[in-house]
C-alpha atoms as a PDB file:
ATOM      1  CA  MET A   1       0.000   0.000   0.000  1.00  0.00           C
ATOM      2  CA  TRP A   2       1.240   3.464  -0.774  1.00  0.00           C
ATOM      3  CA  GLN A   3       2.816   5.461   2.020  1.00  0.00           C
ATOM      4  CA  VAL A   4       0.070   8.044   2.407  1.00  0.00           C
ATOM      5  CA  SER A   5      -0.296  10.023   5.601  1.00  0.00           C
ATOM      6  CA  CYS A   6      -3.743  10.069   7.146  1.00  0.00           C
ATOM      7  CA  SER A   7      -3.486  13.452   8.790  1.00  0.00           C
ATOM      8  CA  PRO A   8      -6.431  15.873   8.633  1.00  0.00           C
ATOM      9  CA  GLU A   9      -4.297  18.002   6.327  1.00  0.00           C
ATOM     10  CA  THR A  10      -3.956  15.103   3.876  1.00  0.00           C
ATOM     11  CA  TYR A  11      -7.724  14.702   3.689  1.00  0.00           C
ATOM     12  CA  ALA A  12      -8.169  18.451   3.266  1.00  0.00           C
ATOM     13  CA  GLU A  13      -5.679  18.449   0.381  1.00  0.00           C
ATOM     14  CA  GLN A  14      -7.912  16.012  -1.482  1.00  0.00           C
ATOM     15  CA  LEU A  15     -10.744  18.555  -1.358  1.00  0.00           C
ATOM     16  CA  ASN A  16      -8.576  21.152  -3.078  1.00  0.00           C
ATOM     17  CA  GLN A  17      -8.534  20.981  -6.884  1.00  0.00           C
ATOM     18  CA  GLN A  18      -4.926  22.194  -7.005  1.00  0.00           C
ATOM     19  CA  THR A  19      -3.581  19.432  -4.754  1.00  0.00           C
ATOM     20  CA  TYR A  20      -5.983  16.590  -5.582  1.00  0.00           C
ATOM     21  CA  THR A  21      -4.481  13.492  -7.198  1.00  0.00           C
ATOM     22  CA  PRO A  22      -6.565  10.446  -8.144  1.00  0.00           C
ATOM     23  CA  TRP A  23      -4.041   7.862  -6.907  1.00  0.00           C
ATOM     24  CA  HIS A  24      -3.593   9.671  -3.594  1.00  0.00           C
ATOM     25  CA  ALA A  25      -7.369   9.723  -3.140  1.00  0.00           C
ATOM     26  CA  TYR A  26      -7.506   6.025  -4.061  1.00  0.00           C
ATOM     27  CA  ALA A  27      -4.863   5.196  -1.433  1.00  0.00           C
ATOM     28  CA  LEU A  28      -6.759   7.184   1.205  1.00  0.00           C
ATOM     29  CA  SER A  29      -9.946   5.281   0.359  1.00  0.00           C
ATOM     30  CA  LYS A  30      -8.135   1.967   0.921  1.00  0.00           C
ATOM     31  CA  ILE A  31      -6.890   3.096   4.335  1.00  0.00           C
ATOM     32  CA  ALA A  32     -10.409   4.314   5.190  1.00  0.00           C
ATOM     33  CA  ASN A  33     -11.731   0.825   4.367  1.00  0.00           C
ATOM     34  CA  ILE A  34      -9.177  -0.715   6.736  1.00  0.00           C
ATOM     35  CA  TYR A  35     -10.121   1.724   9.515  1.00  0.00           C
ATOM     36  CA  PHE A  36     -13.793   0.930   8.945  1.00  0.00           C
ATOM     37  CA  THR A  37     -13.137  -2.812   9.189  1.00  0.00           C
ATOM     38  CA  ILE A  38     -11.151  -2.468  12.413  1.00  0.00           C
ATOM     39  CA  GLU A  39     -13.845  -0.314  14.018  1.00  0.00           C
ATOM     40  CA  LEU A  40     -16.698  -2.515  12.761  1.00  0.00           C
ATOM     41  CA  GLN A  41     -15.045  -5.571  14.304  1.00  0.00           C
ATOM     42  CA  HIS A  42     -14.361  -3.659  17.518  1.00  0.00           C
ATOM     43  CA  ARG A  43     -17.976  -2.512  17.880  1.00  0.00           C
ATOM     44  CA  TYR A  44     -19.871  -5.606  16.762  1.00  0.00           C
ATOM     45  CA  GLY A  45     -17.463  -8.548  17.035  1.00  0.00           C
ATOM     46  CA  SER A  46     -18.918  -9.502  20.417  1.00  0.00           C
ATOM     47  CA  GLN A  47     -22.302  -9.889  18.697  1.00  0.00           C
ATOM     48  CA  GLY A  48     -20.977 -12.437  16.214  1.00  0.00           C
ATOM     49  CA  LEU A  49     -20.078 -10.138  13.336  1.00  0.00           C
ATOM     50  CA  GLN A  50     -16.807 -10.950  11.585  1.00  0.00           C
ATOM     51  CA  ALA A  51     -15.255  -8.142   9.534  1.00  0.00           C
ATOM     52  CA  TYR A  52     -12.166  -8.516   7.350  1.00  0.00           C
ATOM     53  CA  ALA A  53     -10.180  -6.030   5.280  1.00  0.00           C
ATOM     54  CA  LEU A  54      -8.720  -7.613   2.192  1.00  0.00           C
ATOM     55  CA  HIS A  55      -6.905  -6.976  -1.032  1.00  0.00           C
ATOM     56  CA  PRO A  56      -7.989  -9.359  -3.800  1.00  0.00           C
ATOM     57  CA  GLY A  57      -4.908  -8.554  -5.864  1.00  0.00           C
ATOM     58  CA  VAL A  58      -4.704  -6.880  -9.240  1.00  0.00           C
ATOM     59  CA  VAL A  59      -7.704  -8.433 -10.931  1.00  0.00           C
ATOM     60  CA  ASN A  60      -8.584  -8.098 -14.596  1.00  0.00           C
ATOM     61  CA  THR A  61     -12.042  -6.596 -14.093  1.00  0.00           C
ATOM     62  CA  GLY A  62     -11.957  -4.180 -16.994  1.00  0.00           C
ATOM     63  CA  LEU A  63     -11.655  -1.210 -14.628  1.00  0.00           C
ATOM     64  CA  GLN A  64      -8.179  -0.473 -15.977  1.00  0.00           C
ATOM     65  CA  ARG A  65      -9.676   0.419 -19.354  1.00  0.00           C
ATOM     66  CA  HIS A  66     -10.472   3.834 -17.843  1.00  0.00           C
ATOM     67  CA  VAL A  67      -6.757   4.560 -17.364  1.00  0.00           C
ATOM     68  CA  ALA A  68      -5.509   5.717 -20.772  1.00  0.00           C
ATOM     69  CA  ILE A  69      -1.922   4.508 -20.471  1.00  0.00           C
ATOM     70  CA  SER A  70      -3.037   0.996 -19.528  1.00  0.00           C
ATOM     71  CA  GLN A  71      -4.811   0.582 -22.849  1.00  0.00           C
ATOM     72  CA  TRP A  72      -1.573   0.354 -24.759  1.00  0.00           C
ATOM     73  CA  ILE A  73       1.045  -0.595 -22.151  1.00  0.00           C
ATOM     74  CA  ASN A  74      -0.761  -3.223 -20.115  1.00  0.00           C
ATOM     75  CA  ALA A  75      -2.727  -4.972 -22.837  1.00  0.00           C
ATOM     76  CA  PRO A  76      -0.039  -7.534 -23.777  1.00  0.00           C
ATOM     77  CA  PHE A  77       0.828  -8.213 -20.127  1.00  0.00           C
ATOM     78  CA  GLN A  78      -2.608  -8.371 -18.513  1.00  0.00           C
ATOM     79  CA  SER A  79      -2.878 -12.141 -18.701  1.00  0.00           C
ATOM     80  CA  LEU A  80       0.565 -12.458 -17.082  1.00  0.00           C
ATOM     81  CA  LEU A  81       0.241  -9.776 -14.397  1.00  0.00           C
ATOM     82  CA  PHE A  82      -3.446  -9.670 -13.507  1.00  0.00           C
ATOM     83  CA  LYS A  83      -5.466 -12.294 -11.686  1.00  0.00           C
ATOM     84  CA  THR A  84      -8.574 -13.646 -13.327  1.00  0.00           C
ATOM     85  CA  GLN A  85     -11.868 -12.720 -11.705  1.00  0.00           C
ATOM     86  CA  LEU A  86     -12.096 -16.252 -10.292  1.00  0.00           C
ATOM     87  CA  GLU A  87      -8.601 -15.968  -8.791  1.00  0.00           C
ATOM     88  CA  GLY A  88      -9.539 -12.565  -7.383  1.00  0.00           C
ATOM     89  CA  THR A  89     -12.329 -14.110  -5.298  1.00  0.00           C
ATOM     90  CA  GLN A  90     -10.053 -16.537  -3.458  1.00  0.00           C
ATOM     91  CA  THR A  91      -9.082 -14.248  -0.564  1.00  0.00           C
ATOM     92  CA  ASN A  92     -12.748 -13.318  -0.051  1.00  0.00           C
ATOM     93  CA  LEU A  93     -13.619 -17.002   0.182  1.00  0.00           C
ATOM     94  CA  VAL A  94     -10.819 -17.728   2.646  1.00  0.00           C
ATOM     95  CA  CYS A  95     -12.105 -14.977   4.938  1.00  0.00           C
ATOM     96  CA  ALA A  96     -15.686 -16.195   4.576  1.00  0.00           C
ATOM     97  CA  VAL A  97     -15.162 -19.892   5.315  1.00  0.00           C
ATOM     98  CA  SER A  98     -11.799 -20.484   7.008  1.00  0.00           C
ATOM     99  CA  ASP A  99     -11.667 -21.127  10.733  1.00  0.00           C
ATOM    100  CA  GLN A 100      -8.117 -19.733  10.655  1.00  0.00           C
ATOM    101  CA  ALA A 101      -9.136 -16.257   9.412  1.00  0.00           C
ATOM    102  CA  VAL A 102      -8.926 -13.701  12.240  1.00  0.00           C
ATOM    103  CA  PRO A 103     -11.662 -11.034  12.183  1.00  0.00           C
ATOM    104  CA  GLY A 104     -10.506  -7.421  12.118  1.00  0.00           C
ATOM    105  CA  LYS A 105      -7.303  -8.282  10.261  1.00  0.00           C
ATOM    106  CA  TYR A 106      -6.027  -7.520   6.760  1.00  0.00           C
ATOM    107  CA  TYR A 107      -5.744 -10.311   4.173  1.00  0.00           C
ATOM    108  CA  ALA A 108      -4.061 -10.579   0.782  1.00  0.00           C
ATOM    109  CA  ASP A 109      -3.280 -13.646  -1.317  1.00  0.00           C
ATOM    110  CA  CYS A 110      -5.350 -15.843   1.001  1.00  0.00           C
ATOM    111  CA  ARG A 111      -3.356 -15.078   4.153  1.00  0.00           C
ATOM    112  CA  GLU A 112      -3.117 -12.478   6.892  1.00  0.00           C
ATOM    113  CA  GLU A 113      -0.719  -9.678   6.008  1.00  0.00           C
ATOM    114  CA  THR A 114       0.917  -6.910   7.961  1.00  0.00           C
ATOM    115  CA  PHE A 115       0.319  -3.387   6.770  1.00  0.00           C
ATOM    116  CA  ALA A 116       2.929  -1.917   4.442  1.00  0.00           C
ATOM    117  CA  ASN A 117       1.651   1.527   5.378  1.00  0.00           C
ATOM    118  CA  PRO A 118       2.227   2.341   9.078  1.00  0.00           C
ATOM    119  CA  HIS A 119      -0.772   4.694   9.036  1.00  0.00           C
ATOM    120  CA  ALA A 120      -3.126   1.791   8.328  1.00  0.00           C
ATOM    121  CA  ASP A 121      -2.333   0.002  11.598  1.00  0.00           C
ATOM    122  CA  ASP A 122      -3.435   2.818  13.885  1.00  0.00           C
ATOM    123  CA  ALA A 123      -6.188   1.685  16.246  1.00  0.00           C
ATOM    124  CA  GLU A 124      -6.685   5.236  17.533  1.00  0.00           C
ATOM    125  CA  ARG A 125      -7.590   6.486  14.054  1.00  0.00           C
ATOM    126  CA  ALA A 126      -9.939   3.572  13.475  1.00  0.00           C
END
């Protein structure tokens, strides 16, 4: 995950047209999803809810067709670099059915992962 700070200033920058960047906003949305998962598990885990944050991998969903450069650079490599949609569901399934999956944690490639971004593992922010 990108090293994006989660300070109030960082969020405010994304509201400013001069400092807004799509990839920065995307990274912030991923961290927000992790915070949401941690808090959801904290609040409702005792009632039986199990929440997981996960990254399915780079899946060939067709979404990349909206990024102009990918149309000509990635096309020959998509089958080598991207997961199929079926492969992209595997981590979701592990979290849904495995007794080993720990609620409130982050999963990628069918296993629990540590956060590459230190801002994502901040229980106070969640």
